[in-house]
Amino acid sequence: MPYINVKVVGPLSREQKEEIAAKFTQTLEDVANKPKDHTYVVFDEIDRQNWAVGDRLLDER
């Protein structure tokens, strides 16, 4: 049972999530022979103030 955790800064639309999930699960099916209906995809949409690169929060850029 594959588990994919997608972490992104900011929100994604429903359509974007559907496309990302479809492409990731298709890749796992094509490359690793993992059936799409056994693959879990979780989206974590993180606020810019809760994500840093180095010592700088993204909302400071």
Protein backbone atom coordinates (compact mmCIF):
# COMPACT_ATOMS: atom_id res chain seq x y z
CA MET A 1 0.00 0.00 0.00
CA PRO A 2 1.86 3.12 -1.18
CA TYR A 3 1.39 6.33 0.78
CA ILE A 4 2.25 9.67 -0.84
CA ASN A 5 2.41 12.85 1.26
CA VAL A 6 2.40 16.05 -0.80
CA LYS A 7 3.45 19.11 1.17
CA VAL A 8 3.01 22.47 -0.54
CA VAL A 9 3.10 26.09 0.48
CA GLY A 10 -0.31 27.62 0.02
CA PRO A 11 -3.57 26.15 -1.21
CA LEU A 12 -4.23 23.95 -4.22
CA SER A 13 -7.55 23.81 -6.04
CA ARG A 14 -9.57 20.62 -6.11
CA GLU A 15 -8.72 20.25 -9.80
CA GLN A 16 -4.97 20.56 -9.09
CA LYS A 17 -5.19 17.93 -6.35
CA GLU A 18 -7.10 15.57 -8.63
CA GLU A 19 -4.49 15.94 -11.39
CA ILE A 20 -1.55 15.51 -9.02
CA ALA A 21 -3.12 12.43 -7.42
CA ALA A 22 -3.89 10.92 -10.83
CA LYS A 23 -0.35 11.44 -12.13
CA PHE A 24 1.39 10.20 -8.98
CA THR A 25 -0.76 7.10 -8.72
CA GLN A 26 -0.38 6.38 -12.44
CA THR A 27 3.41 6.62 -12.10
CA LEU A 28 3.42 4.15 -9.21
CA GLU A 29 1.24 1.79 -11.21
CA ASP A 30 3.44 2.08 -14.34
CA VAL A 31 6.83 1.89 -12.63
CA ALA A 32 6.25 -0.20 -9.50
CA ASN A 33 3.13 -2.20 -10.47
CA LYS A 34 1.21 -0.74 -7.51
CA PRO A 35 -2.54 -0.59 -8.18
CA LYS A 36 -4.05 2.88 -8.08
CA ASP A 37 -6.87 1.76 -5.82
CA HIS A 38 -4.34 0.80 -3.12
CA THR A 39 -2.40 4.09 -3.21
CA TYR A 40 -3.13 6.82 -0.69
CA VAL A 41 -2.34 10.47 -1.42
CA VAL A 42 -2.47 13.09 1.33
CA PHE A 43 -2.13 16.83 0.72
CA ASP A 44 -0.71 19.12 3.40
CA GLU A 45 -1.20 22.77 2.49
CA ILE A 46 1.16 24.77 4.67
CA ASP A 47 0.88 28.50 5.41
CA ARG A 48 3.93 30.49 4.27
CA GLN A 49 4.56 31.58 7.87
CA ASN A 50 4.94 27.92 8.85
CA TRP A 51 7.63 27.05 6.28
CA ALA A 52 11.24 28.22 6.23
CA VAL A 53 14.14 27.89 3.86
CA GLY A 54 17.32 28.12 5.86
CA ASP A 55 16.75 30.73 8.54
CA ARG A 56 14.03 32.67 6.69
CA LEU A 57 10.30 32.08 6.81
CA LEU A 58 8.73 32.15 3.37
CA ASP A 59 6.37 34.96 4.31
CA GLU A 60 9.44 37.21 4.77
CA ARG A 61 10.46 36.92 1.10
